Amino acid sequence: MTTLKLDFNDEGECTGVSIFGTYTMPDNRVSDHPLRFTLINGAVVERYTSFEDDLEMVNHHAELQEAAQEPPAVLLPLLTPVEFKLMFTPMERIAIKGKRATDEILDDFMDIIDDPRLVTVDFNLQSTKDAIDYLVSIEVLTAERAVQVKTGVFL
């Protein structure tokens, strides 16, 4: 018989799963040692069994613990299309409008921004970052301003 135990933090998020019973290891050995998974934000950041397992498993456990201590990736904000446009100064917005008439790439990107079905501009998307970099290449933004705009945070 296998038993599953779930651990929750004060916010009701699952922080761990323990399995007791017999199960097959990744190398196809059968083990009856307790197996534990530690979760952060729903992702498995740690997996270990008892220290009676072989050295390879213990080393793997240590590597996962080290990886779990690395800071999580920073998620950039989501802005409405209007908020996105307000990331630019009035002079930058005027320059975008002026170049849009003759630049198909810029016009295409701004068509997406102007589409009424668009709810948010996601600064985590590579396409958003590329579009901001494109504004540098056509001399609408300086490289310094592009870095500021890519944060998605109003200065």
C-alpha atoms as a PDB file:
ATOM      1  CA  MET A   1       0.000   0.000   0.000  1.00  0.00           C
ATOM      2  CA  THR A   2       1.262   3.476  -0.889  1.00  0.00           C
ATOM      3  CA  THR A   3       0.373   6.515   1.216  1.00  0.00           C
ATOM      4  CA  LEU A   4       0.546  10.110   0.002  1.00  0.00           C
ATOM      5  CA  LYS A   5       0.996  13.014   2.444  1.00  0.00           C
ATOM      6  CA  LEU A   6       0.598  16.652   1.357  1.00  0.00           C
ATOM      7  CA  ASP A   7       2.059  19.641   3.233  1.00  0.00           C
ATOM      8  CA  PHE A   8       0.524  23.119   2.978  1.00  0.00           C
ATOM      9  CA  ASN A   9       1.743  26.557   4.089  1.00  0.00           C
ATOM     10  CA  ASP A  10      -0.430  29.179   5.840  1.00  0.00           C
ATOM     11  CA  GLU A  11      -1.621  30.514   2.459  1.00  0.00           C
ATOM     12  CA  GLY A  12      -2.983  27.096   1.507  1.00  0.00           C
ATOM     13  CA  GLU A  13      -0.280  26.416  -1.103  1.00  0.00           C
ATOM     14  CA  CYS A  14       1.046  22.868  -1.358  1.00  0.00           C
ATOM     15  CA  THR A  15       4.705  22.949  -0.268  1.00  0.00           C
ATOM     16  CA  GLY A  16       5.517  19.276  -0.169  1.00  0.00           C
ATOM     17  CA  VAL A  17       4.473  15.765  -1.082  1.00  0.00           C
ATOM     18  CA  SER A  18       5.654  12.629   0.707  1.00  0.00           C
ATOM     19  CA  ILE A  19       5.150   9.110  -0.614  1.00  0.00           C
ATOM     20  CA  PHE A  20       5.368   6.135   1.721  1.00  0.00           C
ATOM     21  CA  GLY A  21       5.349   2.585   0.380  1.00  0.00           C
ATOM     22  CA  THR A  22       7.050   0.741  -2.436  1.00  0.00           C
ATOM     23  CA  TYR A  23       7.863   2.554  -5.665  1.00  0.00           C
ATOM     24  CA  THR A  24      10.215   2.285  -8.623  1.00  0.00           C
ATOM     25  CA  MET A  25      13.272   4.568  -8.682  1.00  0.00           C
ATOM     26  CA  PRO A  26      14.383   6.312 -11.932  1.00  0.00           C
ATOM     27  CA  ASP A  27      17.074   3.639 -12.358  1.00  0.00           C
ATOM     28  CA  ASN A  28      14.349   0.936 -12.089  1.00  0.00           C
ATOM     29  CA  ARG A  29      15.382  -0.214  -8.607  1.00  0.00           C
ATOM     30  CA  VAL A  30      12.481  -0.832  -6.251  1.00  0.00           C
ATOM     31  CA  SER A  31      12.632   1.137  -3.006  1.00  0.00           C
ATOM     32  CA  ASP A  32      10.560   1.213   0.135  1.00  0.00           C
ATOM     33  CA  HIS A  33      12.256   4.324   1.571  1.00  0.00           C
ATOM     34  CA  PRO A  34      10.042   7.393   2.001  1.00  0.00           C
ATOM     35  CA  LEU A  35      10.182   9.662  -1.050  1.00  0.00           C
ATOM     36  CA  ARG A  36       9.713  13.415  -0.588  1.00  0.00           C
ATOM     37  CA  PHE A  37       9.188  16.245  -3.059  1.00  0.00           C
ATOM     38  CA  THR A  38       9.520  19.875  -1.971  1.00  0.00           C
ATOM     39  CA  LEU A  39       7.553  22.434  -3.998  1.00  0.00           C
ATOM     40  CA  ILE A  40       7.974  26.183  -4.476  1.00  0.00           C
ATOM     41  CA  ASN A  41       5.232  27.917  -6.466  1.00  0.00           C
ATOM     42  CA  GLY A  42       3.991  24.526  -7.599  1.00  0.00           C
ATOM     43  CA  ALA A  43       7.359  23.475  -9.071  1.00  0.00           C
ATOM     44  CA  VAL A  44       9.337  20.546  -7.706  1.00  0.00           C
ATOM     45  CA  VAL A  45      12.585  22.021  -6.398  1.00  0.00           C
ATOM     46  CA  GLU A  46      13.720  19.090  -4.311  1.00  0.00           C
ATOM     47  CA  ARG A  47      13.359  15.316  -4.410  1.00  0.00           C
ATOM     48  CA  TYR A  48      14.953  13.010  -1.927  1.00  0.00           C
ATOM     49  CA  THR A  49      14.691   9.681  -0.214  1.00  0.00           C
ATOM     50  CA  SER A  50      16.306   8.453   2.983  1.00  0.00           C
ATOM     51  CA  PHE A  51      20.085   8.654   3.326  1.00  0.00           C
ATOM     52  CA  GLU A  52      20.256   4.884   2.925  1.00  0.00           C
ATOM     53  CA  ASP A  53      20.089   5.444  -0.827  1.00  0.00           C
ATOM     54  CA  ASP A  54      23.289   5.444  -2.812  1.00  0.00           C
ATOM     55  CA  LEU A  55      25.723   8.355  -3.019  1.00  0.00           C
ATOM     56  CA  GLU A  56      24.452   9.401  -6.465  1.00  0.00           C
ATOM     57  CA  MET A  57      20.967  10.024  -5.083  1.00  0.00           C
ATOM     58  CA  VAL A  58      22.364  11.974  -2.113  1.00  0.00           C
ATOM     59  CA  ASN A  59      24.466  14.138  -4.466  1.00  0.00           C
ATOM     60  CA  HIS A  60      21.428  14.702  -6.674  1.00  0.00           C
ATOM     61  CA  HIS A  61      19.491  15.817  -3.591  1.00  0.00           C
ATOM     62  CA  ALA A  62      22.244  18.310  -2.737  1.00  0.00           C
ATOM     63  CA  GLU A  63      22.233  19.731  -6.296  1.00  0.00           C
ATOM     64  CA  LEU A  64      18.471  20.239  -6.160  1.00  0.00           C
ATOM     65  CA  GLN A  65      18.750  22.002  -2.797  1.00  0.00           C
ATOM     66  CA  GLU A  66      21.368  24.368  -4.226  1.00  0.00           C
ATOM     67  CA  ALA A  67      19.213  25.087  -7.276  1.00  0.00           C
ATOM     68  CA  ALA A  68      16.231  25.800  -5.020  1.00  0.00           C
ATOM     69  CA  GLN A  69      18.223  28.474  -3.216  1.00  0.00           C
ATOM     70  CA  GLU A  70      18.766  30.451  -6.421  1.00  0.00           C
ATOM     71  CA  PRO A  71      16.442  33.437  -6.639  1.00  0.00           C
ATOM     72  CA  PRO A  72      13.391  32.894  -8.843  1.00  0.00           C
ATOM     73  CA  ALA A  73      13.239  34.629 -12.193  1.00  0.00           C
ATOM     74  CA  VAL A  74      11.799  38.127 -11.967  1.00  0.00           C
ATOM     75  CA  LEU A  75       8.522  38.441 -13.814  1.00  0.00           C
ATOM     76  CA  LEU A  76       7.986  41.744 -15.523  1.00  0.00           C
ATOM     77  CA  PRO A  77       4.613  43.476 -15.345  1.00  0.00           C
ATOM     78  CA  LEU A  78       1.714  43.234 -17.732  1.00  0.00           C
ATOM     79  CA  LEU A  79       0.459  46.621 -18.906  1.00  0.00           C
ATOM     80  CA  THR A  80      -2.619  47.667 -20.805  1.00  0.00           C
ATOM     81  CA  PRO A  81      -1.916  48.997 -24.306  1.00  0.00           C
ATOM     82  CA  VAL A  82      -2.481  52.562 -23.089  1.00  0.00           C
ATOM     83  CA  GLU A  83      -0.109  52.036 -20.152  1.00  0.00           C
ATOM     84  CA  PHE A  84       2.425  50.619 -22.602  1.00  0.00           C
ATOM     85  CA  LYS A  85       2.195  53.756 -24.748  1.00  0.00           C
ATOM     86  CA  LEU A  86       2.575  55.899 -21.631  1.00  0.00           C
ATOM     87  CA  MET A  87       5.956  54.247 -21.013  1.00  0.00           C
ATOM     88  CA  PHE A  88       7.212  56.522 -23.793  1.00  0.00           C
ATOM     89  CA  THR A  89       7.735  60.276 -23.519  1.00  0.00           C
ATOM     90  CA  PRO A  90       5.543  62.544 -25.658  1.00  0.00           C
ATOM     91  CA  MET A  91       8.476  63.137 -28.033  1.00  0.00           C
ATOM     92  CA  GLU A  92       9.053  59.386 -28.367  1.00  0.00           C
ATOM     93  CA  ARG A  93       5.363  58.782 -29.106  1.00  0.00           C
ATOM     94  CA  ILE A  94       5.433  61.500 -31.780  1.00  0.00           C
ATOM     95  CA  ALA A  95       8.553  59.912 -33.318  1.00  0.00           C
ATOM     96  CA  ILE A  96       6.810  56.517 -33.353  1.00  0.00           C
ATOM     97  CA  LYS A  97       3.796  58.032 -35.125  1.00  0.00           C
ATOM     98  CA  GLY A  98       6.030  59.757 -37.682  1.00  0.00           C
ATOM     99  CA  LYS A  99       8.066  56.647 -38.525  1.00  0.00           C
ATOM    100  CA  ARG A 100       5.044  54.347 -38.474  1.00  0.00           C
ATOM    101  CA  ALA A 101       3.804  55.722 -41.793  1.00  0.00           C
ATOM    102  CA  THR A 102       6.926  54.540 -43.645  1.00  0.00           C
ATOM    103  CA  ASP A 103       8.128  51.586 -41.532  1.00  0.00           C
ATOM    104  CA  GLU A 104       6.161  48.372 -42.059  1.00  0.00           C
ATOM    105  CA  ILE A 105       7.714  46.582 -39.070  1.00  0.00           C
ATOM    106  CA  LEU A 106       6.863  49.425 -36.716  1.00  0.00           C
ATOM    107  CA  ASP A 107       3.394  49.743 -38.228  1.00  0.00           C
ATOM    108  CA  ASP A 108       2.764  46.021 -37.750  1.00  0.00           C
ATOM    109  CA  PHE A 109       3.792  46.141 -34.086  1.00  0.00           C
ATOM    110  CA  MET A 110       1.690  49.229 -33.418  1.00  0.00           C
ATOM    111  CA  ASP A 111      -1.288  47.596 -35.184  1.00  0.00           C
ATOM    112  CA  ILE A 112      -1.047  44.824 -32.590  1.00  0.00           C
ATOM    113  CA  ILE A 113      -0.846  47.371 -29.753  1.00  0.00           C
ATOM    114  CA  ASP A 114      -3.844  49.263 -31.178  1.00  0.00           C
ATOM    115  CA  ASP A 115      -5.950  46.119 -31.660  1.00  0.00           C
ATOM    116  CA  PRO A 116      -8.960  46.454 -29.303  1.00  0.00           C
ATOM    117  CA  ARG A 117      -8.766  42.712 -28.525  1.00  0.00           C
ATOM    118  CA  LEU A 118      -5.336  43.154 -26.927  1.00  0.00           C
ATOM    119  CA  VAL A 119      -5.780  43.254 -23.162  1.00  0.00           C
ATOM    120  CA  THR A 120      -2.172  43.362 -21.953  1.00  0.00           C
ATOM    121  CA  VAL A 121       1.325  43.925 -23.242  1.00  0.00           C
ATOM    122  CA  ASP A 122       3.571  41.282 -21.689  1.00  0.00           C
ATOM    123  CA  PHE A 123       7.104  42.533 -21.058  1.00  0.00           C
ATOM    124  CA  ASN A 124       8.219  38.928 -20.456  1.00  0.00           C
ATOM    125  CA  LEU A 125       7.650  38.044 -24.125  1.00  0.00           C
ATOM    126  CA  GLN A 126      10.679  38.102 -26.388  1.00  0.00           C
ATOM    127  CA  SER A 127       8.577  39.739 -29.118  1.00  0.00           C
ATOM    128  CA  THR A 128       7.911  42.736 -26.843  1.00  0.00           C
ATOM    129  CA  LYS A 129      11.612  43.041 -26.019  1.00  0.00           C
ATOM    130  CA  ASP A 130      12.485  42.734 -29.711  1.00  0.00           C
ATOM    131  CA  ALA A 131      10.007  45.479 -30.631  1.00  0.00           C
ATOM    132  CA  ILE A 132      11.541  47.830 -28.069  1.00  0.00           C
ATOM    133  CA  ASP A 133      15.025  46.990 -29.395  1.00  0.00           C
ATOM    134  CA  TYR A 134      13.733  47.715 -32.896  1.00  0.00           C
ATOM    135  CA  LEU A 135      12.816  51.224 -31.734  1.00  0.00           C
ATOM    136  CA  VAL A 136      16.509  51.689 -30.894  1.00  0.00           C
ATOM    137  CA  SER A 137      17.577  50.447 -34.327  1.00  0.00           C
ATOM    138  CA  ILE A 138      15.369  53.045 -36.050  1.00  0.00           C
ATOM    139  CA  GLU A 139      16.584  55.739 -33.644  1.00  0.00           C
ATOM    140  CA  VAL A 140      13.276  56.357 -31.877  1.00  0.00           C
ATOM    141  CA  LEU A 141      14.791  55.327 -28.531  1.00  0.00           C
ATOM    142  CA  THR A 142      18.280  55.394 -27.109  1.00  0.00           C
ATOM    143  CA  ALA A 143      19.672  52.141 -25.775  1.00  0.00           C
ATOM    144  CA  GLU A 144      19.424  53.587 -22.266  1.00  0.00           C
ATOM    145  CA  ARG A 145      15.744  54.428 -22.714  1.00  0.00           C
ATOM    146  CA  ALA A 146      15.068  50.965 -24.136  1.00  0.00           C
ATOM    147  CA  VAL A 147      16.441  49.435 -20.931  1.00  0.00           C
ATOM    148  CA  GLN A 148      14.122  51.654 -18.892  1.00  0.00           C
ATOM    149  CA  VAL A 149      11.063  50.879 -21.047  1.00  0.00           C
ATOM    150  CA  LYS A 150      11.740  47.109 -20.947  1.00  0.00           C
ATOM    151  CA  THR A 151      11.270  47.128 -17.165  1.00  0.00           C
ATOM    152  CA  GLY A 152       7.588  47.951 -17.640  1.00  0.00           C
ATOM    153  CA  VAL A 153       7.873  50.261 -14.638  1.00  0.00           C
ATOM    154  CA  PHE A 154       6.962  53.923 -14.933  1.00  0.00           C
ATOM    155  CA  LEU A 155       9.863  56.191 -13.990  1.00  0.00           C
END
